[in-house]
Amino acid sequence: MIRVLLADDEAMVRAGVKAILDTDPGIEVVAEATDGREAVDLARTHQPDVVLLDIRMPRLDGLAAAAELRQTVPGTAVVMLTTFDEDEYVARALGDGANGFLLKAADPRELLIGVRAAADGAAYLSPKIAQRVVADLRDGRLTRYDQARRRVATLTGRERDVLALVGEGLSNHDIARRLTVTEGTVKAHVSAILNRLDVTNRVQAAILAYEAGLTTAR
């Protein structure tokens, strides 16, 4: 069962998102918060698998809450759920360690896919957001390619294999099956990759994999 904490200051939005999550028998909303500070406090108490955070909330906004959650409950995946897709929000959310970025106006199925991906250790961006991230990468492709290749060169051959599959959005379970190794081995490789590349999470690692030419954006 995937345990989710939902944080949004609008009661109707919380009710709508919860109704969508409730359609999946493998997902349970264990707590609801009305602001970022409450979300952090409840996450410490409930230790959910995934926290869904709105960006614009009182007391502590979602972006600040995401950064705090990464420090206080590092085992919990953080997914931003918002109506805003401005570049500054996306960049800051990913920089602060968010595992995903979903738009409230998207297809409800994206919400379920995103939550399951985050809980499984993968990263998920709404297609609209992913297109913008890829476009930004292409704008500075050559310079970033050289920098990314130098960073990736510090990895072992197996770590580069794992990074390439992380770049394709595969979960640890799927990577283990693809490489015919145990899931524990994959987790160890991912941890080493994040440490060697000095990135916060799988989203940043996936972007680096694309910049280095290890995978092709879809």
Protein backbone atom coordinates (compact mmCIF):
# COMPACT_ATOMS: atom_id res chain seq x y z
CA MET A 1 0.00 0.00 0.00
CA ILE A 2 1.36 3.44 -0.99
CA ARG A 3 0.77 5.92 1.84
CA VAL A 4 0.22 9.51 0.72
CA LEU A 5 0.11 12.82 2.54
CA LEU A 6 -1.84 15.48 0.64
CA ALA A 7 -1.14 19.19 1.23
CA ASP A 8 -3.27 21.95 -0.31
CA ASP A 9 -4.90 24.97 1.28
CA GLU A 10 -8.09 24.60 -0.78
CA ALA A 11 -10.57 22.09 0.64
CA MET A 12 -12.24 21.44 -2.72
CA VAL A 13 -8.90 20.69 -4.37
CA ARG A 14 -7.95 18.29 -1.57
CA ALA A 15 -11.30 16.54 -1.92
CA GLY A 16 -10.88 16.22 -5.70
CA VAL A 17 -7.32 14.89 -5.52
CA LYS A 18 -8.25 12.46 -2.74
CA ALA A 19 -11.20 11.20 -4.80
CA ILE A 20 -8.82 10.41 -7.67
CA LEU A 21 -6.32 8.68 -5.40
CA ASP A 22 -9.10 6.66 -3.79
CA THR A 23 -9.87 5.04 -7.17
CA ASP A 24 -6.59 3.12 -6.83
CA PRO A 25 -6.88 0.37 -4.19
CA GLY A 26 -3.11 0.41 -3.78
CA ILE A 27 -3.00 4.05 -2.63
CA GLU A 28 -4.12 5.39 0.74
CA VAL A 29 -4.29 9.04 1.84
CA VAL A 30 -3.07 8.88 5.45
CA ALA A 31 -3.15 12.60 6.24
CA GLU A 32 -4.14 15.99 4.82
CA ALA A 33 -2.51 19.36 5.45
CA THR A 34 -3.69 22.89 4.75
CA ASP A 35 -0.26 24.55 4.64
CA GLY A 36 3.39 23.71 4.18
CA ARG A 37 4.31 23.82 7.86
CA GLU A 38 1.54 21.39 8.75
CA ALA A 39 2.64 19.14 5.88
CA VAL A 40 6.18 18.90 7.27
CA ASP A 41 4.91 18.22 10.79
CA LEU A 42 2.48 15.53 9.61
CA ALA A 43 5.14 13.93 7.43
CA ARG A 44 7.38 13.52 10.47
CA THR A 45 4.51 11.83 12.31
CA HIS A 46 3.11 9.60 9.57
CA GLN A 47 6.29 8.91 7.52
CA PRO A 48 4.30 8.62 4.25
CA ASP A 49 5.74 7.13 1.07
CA VAL A 50 4.77 10.20 -0.96
CA VAL A 51 3.88 13.80 -0.11
CA LEU A 52 1.81 15.72 -2.67
CA LEU A 53 2.49 19.43 -2.21
CA ASP A 54 0.72 22.43 -3.64
CA ILE A 55 3.16 25.27 -4.35
CA ARG A 56 1.25 28.30 -3.11
CA MET A 57 0.24 27.71 0.51
CA PRO A 58 0.23 29.85 3.66
CA ARG A 59 2.84 29.80 6.47
CA LEU A 60 5.31 27.74 4.42
CA ASP A 61 4.95 27.42 0.65
CA GLY A 62 5.27 24.10 -1.11
CA LEU A 63 8.74 24.76 -2.47
CA ALA A 64 10.15 25.61 0.96
CA ALA A 65 8.30 22.63 2.44
CA ALA A 66 9.81 20.33 -0.21
CA ALA A 67 13.32 21.43 0.72
CA GLU A 68 12.61 20.87 4.43
CA LEU A 69 11.05 17.48 3.79
CA ARG A 70 14.17 16.30 1.98
CA GLN A 71 16.13 17.01 5.14
CA THR A 72 13.68 15.78 7.78
CA VAL A 73 12.10 12.75 6.07
CA PRO A 74 14.57 11.78 3.32
CA GLY A 75 12.85 8.44 2.75
CA THR A 76 9.65 10.19 1.62
CA ALA A 77 9.20 11.11 -2.04
CA VAL A 78 8.00 14.65 -2.75
CA VAL A 79 5.77 15.49 -5.72
CA MET A 80 4.68 19.03 -6.52
CA LEU A 81 1.03 19.34 -7.54
CA THR A 82 0.10 22.78 -8.82
CA THR A 83 -1.69 24.92 -11.38
CA PHE A 84 1.53 26.84 -12.05
CA ASP A 85 4.14 25.63 -14.55
CA GLU A 86 6.42 28.66 -14.70
CA ASP A 87 10.07 27.79 -15.28
CA GLU A 88 11.17 29.30 -11.97
CA TYR A 89 8.87 26.95 -10.06
CA VAL A 90 10.01 23.89 -12.00
CA ALA A 91 13.70 24.73 -11.64
CA ARG A 92 13.44 25.44 -7.92
CA ALA A 93 11.31 22.36 -7.23
CA LEU A 94 13.78 20.07 -8.99
CA GLY A 95 16.70 21.85 -7.39
CA ASP A 96 15.17 21.34 -3.96
CA GLY A 97 14.93 17.62 -4.55
CA ALA A 98 11.34 17.06 -5.71
CA ASN A 99 10.73 13.65 -7.29
CA GLY A 100 8.03 14.91 -9.62
CA PHE A 101 6.02 17.84 -10.87
CA LEU A 102 2.33 17.42 -11.77
CA LEU A 103 -0.20 19.94 -13.06
CA LYS A 104 -3.67 19.99 -11.53
CA ALA A 105 -5.19 20.50 -14.97
CA ALA A 106 -3.61 17.29 -16.30
CA ASP A 107 -5.36 13.99 -16.93
CA PRO A 108 -6.24 12.34 -13.58
CA ARG A 109 -4.34 9.25 -14.70
CA GLU A 110 -1.14 11.29 -14.54
CA LEU A 111 -1.70 11.78 -10.82
CA LEU A 112 -1.86 8.03 -10.20
CA ILE A 113 1.11 7.34 -12.47
CA GLY A 114 3.15 10.09 -10.81
CA VAL A 115 2.42 8.90 -7.28
CA ARG A 116 3.26 5.31 -8.13
CA ALA A 117 6.46 6.33 -9.92
CA ALA A 118 7.62 8.44 -6.98
CA ALA A 119 6.81 5.68 -4.48
CA ASP A 120 8.80 3.24 -6.59
CA GLY A 121 11.86 5.47 -6.53
CA ALA A 122 11.43 6.81 -10.06
CA ALA A 123 10.84 10.38 -11.20
CA TYR A 124 7.82 11.74 -13.06
CA LEU A 125 7.13 15.03 -14.79
CA SER A 126 3.85 15.93 -16.48
CA PRO A 127 4.44 15.73 -20.26
CA LYS A 128 3.93 19.48 -20.59
CA ILE A 129 6.62 20.11 -17.98
CA ALA A 130 8.94 17.49 -19.50
CA GLN A 131 8.74 19.20 -22.90
CA ARG A 132 9.83 22.49 -21.39
CA VAL A 133 12.68 20.89 -19.47
CA VAL A 134 13.91 19.17 -22.64
CA ALA A 135 13.63 22.45 -24.60
CA ASP A 136 15.69 24.23 -21.95
CA LEU A 137 18.32 21.48 -22.14
CA ARG A 138 18.50 21.71 -25.92
CA ASP A 139 19.00 25.48 -25.77
CA GLY A 140 22.32 24.97 -24.00
CA ARG A 141 23.01 21.49 -25.32
CA LEU A 142 26.65 21.75 -26.43
CA THR A 143 28.07 23.41 -23.32
CA ARG A 144 26.07 21.18 -21.01
CA TYR A 145 27.05 18.11 -23.00
CA ASP A 146 30.75 18.68 -22.37
CA GLN A 147 30.19 19.39 -18.67
CA ALA A 148 27.89 16.40 -18.26
CA ARG A 149 30.28 14.03 -20.03
CA ARG A 150 33.10 15.03 -17.69
CA ARG A 151 30.92 14.37 -14.65
CA VAL A 152 29.63 11.05 -15.96
CA ALA A 153 33.20 9.95 -16.73
CA THR A 154 33.76 9.61 -12.97
CA LEU A 155 31.26 6.70 -12.85
CA THR A 156 32.04 3.05 -13.37
CA GLY A 157 30.71 1.28 -16.44
CA ARG A 158 27.91 -0.37 -14.47
CA GLU A 159 26.99 2.92 -12.83
CA ARG A 160 26.69 4.52 -16.27
CA ASP A 161 24.39 1.67 -17.32
CA VAL A 162 22.19 2.31 -14.29
CA LEU A 163 22.25 6.09 -14.87
CA ALA A 164 21.11 5.60 -18.46
CA LEU A 165 18.12 3.59 -17.28
CA VAL A 166 17.35 6.14 -14.57
CA GLY A 167 17.32 8.66 -17.43
CA GLU A 168 14.66 6.57 -19.15
CA GLY A 169 12.49 6.87 -16.04
CA LEU A 170 12.79 3.23 -14.94
CA SER A 171 12.26 2.29 -11.30
CA ASN A 172 14.80 0.31 -9.30
CA HIS A 173 12.72 -2.82 -9.81
CA ASP A 174 12.66 -2.38 -13.60
CA ILE A 175 16.38 -1.56 -13.75
CA ALA A 176 17.14 -4.71 -11.75
CA ARG A 177 15.17 -6.82 -14.22
CA ARG A 178 16.80 -5.13 -17.21
CA LEU A 179 20.34 -5.66 -15.89
CA THR A 180 19.61 -9.03 -14.23
CA VAL A 181 20.78 -7.94 -10.80
CA THR A 182 19.06 -7.61 -7.43
CA GLU A 183 17.04 -4.55 -6.54
CA GLY A 184 19.36 -3.99 -3.58
CA THR A 185 22.32 -3.80 -5.96
CA VAL A 186 20.51 -1.19 -8.04
CA LYS A 187 19.74 0.87 -4.94
CA ALA A 188 23.41 0.79 -4.00
CA HIS A 189 24.42 1.91 -7.50
CA VAL A 190 21.85 4.74 -7.51
CA SER A 191 23.08 5.95 -4.13
CA ALA A 192 26.68 5.92 -5.38
CA ILE A 193 25.66 7.74 -8.58
CA LEU A 194 23.88 10.53 -6.70
CA ASN A 195 26.90 10.92 -4.45
CA ARG A 196 29.51 10.89 -7.24
CA LEU A 197 27.56 13.29 -9.45
CA ASP A 198 26.69 15.52 -6.48
CA VAL A 199 22.99 15.61 -7.34
CA THR A 200 20.08 15.52 -4.93
CA ASN A 201 17.71 13.04 -6.55
CA ARG A 202 16.80 10.90 -9.55
CA VAL A 203 15.24 13.77 -11.48
CA GLN A 204 18.53 15.67 -11.48
CA ALA A 205 20.42 12.48 -12.33
CA ALA A 206 18.03 11.79 -15.23
CA ILE A 207 18.57 15.29 -16.61
CA LEU A 208 22.33 14.79 -16.39
CA ALA A 209 21.99 11.45 -18.20
CA TYR A 210 20.18 13.24 -21.03
CA GLU A 211 22.76 16.06 -21.15
CA ALA A 212 25.58 13.51 -21.33
CA GLY A 213 23.91 11.69 -24.21
CA LEU A 214 23.29 8.48 -22.26
CA THR A 215 19.61 8.52 -23.11
CA THR A 216 17.26 10.20 -25.53
CA ALA A 217 14.27 12.23 -24.26
CA ARG A 218 10.93 10.86 -25.38
